[in-house]
């Protein structure tokens, strides 16, 4: 006997942001709080916020200033 088909709603956000992977400007120094607050203003979810912050830090476009400036992102939010 066949199992009934179960529909699972999926949130889809069609916006695509293009970010230059080879910036010509030096990395912008920000505290982690400043970065999170700025990204939070345009994020739709906590997951999007975290993913964007991690991506920006790993891309080298942002350099942390303040107490987190020497912290590594290795193994964080993979």
N, C-alpha and C. Protein backbone atom coordinates (compact mmCIF):
# COMPACT_ATOMS: atom_id res chain seq x y z
N UNK A 1 0.83 -1.17 0.00
CA UNK A 1 0.00 0.00 0.00
C UNK A 1 0.89 1.25 0.00
N UNK A 2 0.58 2.18 -0.83
CA UNK A 2 1.38 3.40 -0.97
C UNK A 2 1.17 4.32 0.23
N UNK A 3 2.25 4.97 0.62
CA UNK A 3 2.19 5.94 1.71
C UNK A 3 1.60 7.25 1.18
N UNK A 4 0.81 7.94 1.98
CA UNK A 4 0.27 9.22 1.53
C UNK A 4 1.40 10.22 1.35
N UNK A 5 1.26 11.09 0.37
CA UNK A 5 2.25 12.12 0.11
C UNK A 5 2.08 13.23 1.13
N UNK A 6 3.20 13.62 1.71
CA UNK A 6 3.17 14.67 2.72
C UNK A 6 3.81 15.93 2.15
N UNK A 7 3.12 17.02 2.21
CA UNK A 7 3.62 18.29 1.70
C UNK A 7 4.28 19.06 2.83
N UNK A 8 5.51 19.52 2.57
CA UNK A 8 6.24 20.29 3.57
C UNK A 8 6.50 21.68 2.99
N UNK A 9 5.97 22.72 3.65
CA UNK A 9 6.20 24.07 3.11
C UNK A 9 7.67 24.47 3.25
N UNK A 10 8.18 25.14 2.24
CA UNK A 10 9.56 25.59 2.24
C UNK A 10 9.58 27.09 2.00
N UNK A 11 10.26 27.80 2.89
CA UNK A 11 10.42 29.23 2.69
C UNK A 11 11.44 29.45 1.59
N UNK A 12 11.12 30.28 0.65
CA UNK A 12 12.03 30.56 -0.45
C UNK A 12 12.18 32.06 -0.59
N UNK A 13 13.41 32.49 -0.61
CA UNK A 13 13.69 33.91 -0.76
C UNK A 13 14.43 34.10 -2.08
N UNK A 14 13.77 34.65 -3.09
CA UNK A 14 14.39 34.75 -4.41
C UNK A 14 15.44 35.86 -4.55
N UNK A 15 15.65 36.65 -3.51
CA UNK A 15 16.65 37.73 -3.61
C UNK A 15 18.05 37.14 -3.68
N UNK A 16 18.83 37.65 -4.57
CA UNK A 16 20.22 37.22 -4.69
C UNK A 16 21.09 38.46 -4.55
N UNK A 17 22.03 38.40 -3.63
CA UNK A 17 22.94 39.50 -3.43
C UNK A 17 24.28 39.14 -4.06
N UNK A 18 24.80 39.98 -4.90
CA UNK A 18 26.10 39.75 -5.53
C UNK A 18 27.13 40.59 -4.80
N UNK A 19 28.18 39.91 -4.33
CA UNK A 19 29.24 40.59 -3.61
C UNK A 19 30.55 40.32 -4.34
N UNK A 20 31.28 41.36 -4.65
CA UNK A 20 32.56 41.22 -5.34
C UNK A 20 33.52 40.42 -4.46
N UNK A 21 34.02 39.30 -4.96
CA UNK A 21 34.91 38.44 -4.19
C UNK A 21 36.33 39.00 -4.11
N UNK A 22 36.66 39.95 -4.95
CA UNK A 22 37.99 40.55 -4.96
C UNK A 22 37.89 42.05 -4.72
N UNK A 23 37.63 42.44 -3.49
CA UNK A 23 37.44 43.86 -3.21
C UNK A 23 38.73 44.64 -3.44
N UNK A 24 38.59 45.84 -3.95
CA UNK A 24 39.75 46.69 -4.19
C UNK A 24 40.02 47.59 -2.99
N UNK A 25 39.08 47.64 -2.08
CA UNK A 25 39.24 48.46 -0.89
C UNK A 25 39.74 47.59 0.26
N UNK A 26 40.46 48.18 1.20
CA UNK A 26 40.89 47.41 2.37
C UNK A 26 39.68 46.99 3.21
N UNK A 27 39.85 45.94 3.99
CA UNK A 27 38.76 45.45 4.84
C UNK A 27 38.29 46.55 5.79
N UNK A 28 37.00 46.60 6.00
CA UNK A 28 36.38 47.59 6.87
C UNK A 28 36.45 47.11 8.32
N UNK A 29 37.10 47.83 9.22
CA UNK A 29 37.16 47.40 10.62
C UNK A 29 35.86 47.74 11.36
N UNK A 30 35.21 46.71 11.91
CA UNK A 30 33.97 46.87 12.67
C UNK A 30 34.03 45.98 13.89
N UNK A 31 33.34 46.37 14.94
CA UNK A 31 33.19 45.44 16.06
C UNK A 31 32.15 44.41 15.65
N UNK A 32 32.14 43.27 16.32
CA UNK A 32 31.16 42.24 16.03
C UNK A 32 29.75 42.77 16.26
N UNK A 33 29.56 43.56 17.29
CA UNK A 33 28.25 44.14 17.57
C UNK A 33 27.80 45.05 16.43
N UNK A 34 28.68 45.91 15.94
CA UNK A 34 28.32 46.80 14.84
C UNK A 34 27.93 46.01 13.59
N UNK A 35 28.69 44.95 13.30
CA UNK A 35 28.40 44.12 12.13
C UNK A 35 27.05 43.43 12.28
N UNK A 36 26.80 42.83 13.43
CA UNK A 36 25.54 42.12 13.67
C UNK A 36 24.36 43.09 13.60
N UNK A 37 24.49 44.26 14.18
CA UNK A 37 23.40 45.24 14.15
C UNK A 37 23.11 45.69 12.72
N UNK A 38 24.15 45.92 11.92
CA UNK A 38 23.95 46.36 10.54
C UNK A 38 23.28 45.29 9.70
N UNK A 39 23.74 44.04 9.82
CA UNK A 39 23.16 42.95 9.04
C UNK A 39 21.74 42.65 9.52
N UNK A 40 21.50 42.77 10.82
CA UNK A 40 20.17 42.51 11.38
C UNK A 40 19.11 43.44 10.79
N UNK A 41 19.49 44.66 10.45
CA UNK A 41 18.54 45.62 9.89
C UNK A 41 17.95 45.15 8.56
N UNK A 42 18.68 44.29 7.82
CA UNK A 42 18.21 43.86 6.51
C UNK A 42 17.96 42.35 6.42
N UNK A 43 18.10 41.64 7.53
CA UNK A 43 17.91 40.18 7.54
C UNK A 43 16.46 39.83 7.87
N UNK A 44 16.00 38.74 7.26
CA UNK A 44 14.63 38.28 7.51
C UNK A 44 14.55 37.22 8.60
N UNK A 45 15.71 36.63 8.96
CA UNK A 45 15.70 35.57 9.97
C UNK A 45 17.04 35.53 10.68
N UNK A 46 17.05 34.84 11.80
CA UNK A 46 18.29 34.68 12.55
C UNK A 46 19.30 33.87 11.75
N UNK A 47 18.82 32.85 11.04
CA UNK A 47 19.71 32.01 10.24
C UNK A 47 20.38 32.85 9.13
N UNK A 48 19.60 33.71 8.49
CA UNK A 48 20.15 34.58 7.46
C UNK A 48 21.18 35.54 8.06
N UNK A 49 20.89 36.06 9.23
CA UNK A 49 21.80 36.97 9.92
C UNK A 49 23.14 36.29 10.18
N UNK A 50 23.10 35.11 10.78
CA UNK A 50 24.33 34.40 11.12
C UNK A 50 25.10 34.02 9.87
N UNK A 51 24.42 33.49 8.87
CA UNK A 51 25.08 33.08 7.63
C UNK A 51 25.77 34.27 6.96
N UNK A 52 25.10 35.41 6.94
CA UNK A 52 25.66 36.59 6.29
C UNK A 52 26.87 37.12 7.05
N UNK A 53 26.78 37.18 8.36
CA UNK A 53 27.91 37.66 9.16
C UNK A 53 29.12 36.75 8.96
N UNK A 54 28.93 35.45 9.02
CA UNK A 54 30.04 34.51 8.84
C UNK A 54 30.62 34.65 7.44
N UNK A 55 29.76 34.76 6.43
CA UNK A 55 30.24 34.92 5.05
C UNK A 55 31.07 36.19 4.91
N UNK A 56 30.59 37.29 5.47
CA UNK A 56 31.31 38.56 5.35
C UNK A 56 32.67 38.49 6.03
N UNK A 57 32.72 37.85 7.19
CA UNK A 57 34.00 37.73 7.88
C UNK A 57 34.96 36.83 7.12
N UNK A 58 34.47 35.71 6.61
CA UNK A 58 35.33 34.78 5.87
C UNK A 58 35.79 35.37 4.54
N UNK A 59 35.00 36.26 3.95
CA UNK A 59 35.36 36.84 2.65
C UNK A 59 36.52 37.82 2.76
N UNK A 60 36.77 38.32 3.95
CA UNK A 60 37.85 39.28 4.14
C UNK A 60 37.42 40.73 3.92
N UNK A 61 36.15 40.94 3.60
CA UNK A 61 35.67 42.31 3.38
C UNK A 61 35.49 43.06 4.69
N UNK A 62 35.36 42.32 5.78
CA UNK A 62 35.19 42.91 7.10
C UNK A 62 36.31 42.39 8.00
N UNK A 63 36.88 43.27 8.76
CA UNK A 63 37.90 42.88 9.74
C UNK A 63 37.38 43.28 11.11
N UNK A 64 37.35 42.31 12.01
CA UNK A 64 36.82 42.61 13.34
C UNK A 64 37.78 43.50 14.12
N UNK A 65 37.21 44.48 14.77
CA UNK A 65 37.94 45.34 15.69
C UNK A 65 37.40 45.04 17.08
N UNK A 66 38.07 45.47 18.08
CA UNK A 66 37.58 45.25 19.44
C UNK A 66 37.98 43.89 19.99
N UNK A 67 37.20 43.39 20.93
CA UNK A 67 37.58 42.20 21.68
C UNK A 67 37.57 40.90 20.87
N UNK A 68 36.91 40.86 19.71
CA UNK A 68 36.88 39.64 18.90
C UNK A 68 37.84 39.69 17.72
N UNK A 69 38.70 40.70 17.64
CA UNK A 69 39.55 40.88 16.47
C UNK A 69 40.52 39.73 16.22
N UNK A 70 40.93 39.01 17.25
CA UNK A 70 41.90 37.93 17.08
C UNK A 70 41.26 36.54 17.09
N UNK A 71 39.93 36.47 17.12
CA UNK A 71 39.24 35.18 17.15
C UNK A 71 39.19 34.55 15.76
N UNK A 72 39.31 33.22 15.73
CA UNK A 72 39.24 32.46 14.48
C UNK A 72 37.83 31.96 14.23
N UNK A 73 37.44 31.88 12.96
CA UNK A 73 36.13 31.33 12.60
C UNK A 73 36.22 29.86 12.22
N UNK A 74 37.40 29.27 12.33
CA UNK A 74 37.57 27.86 11.96
C UNK A 74 36.60 26.99 12.75
N UNK A 75 35.80 26.20 12.03
CA UNK A 75 34.85 25.29 12.66
C UNK A 75 33.58 25.95 13.16
N UNK A 76 33.45 27.26 12.94
CA UNK A 76 32.26 27.96 13.42
C UNK A 76 31.22 28.00 12.33
N UNK A 77 30.04 27.50 12.62
CA UNK A 77 28.88 27.56 11.74
C UNK A 77 29.19 27.01 10.36
N UNK A 78 29.63 25.77 10.31
CA UNK A 78 29.90 25.12 9.02
C UNK A 78 28.65 24.61 8.39
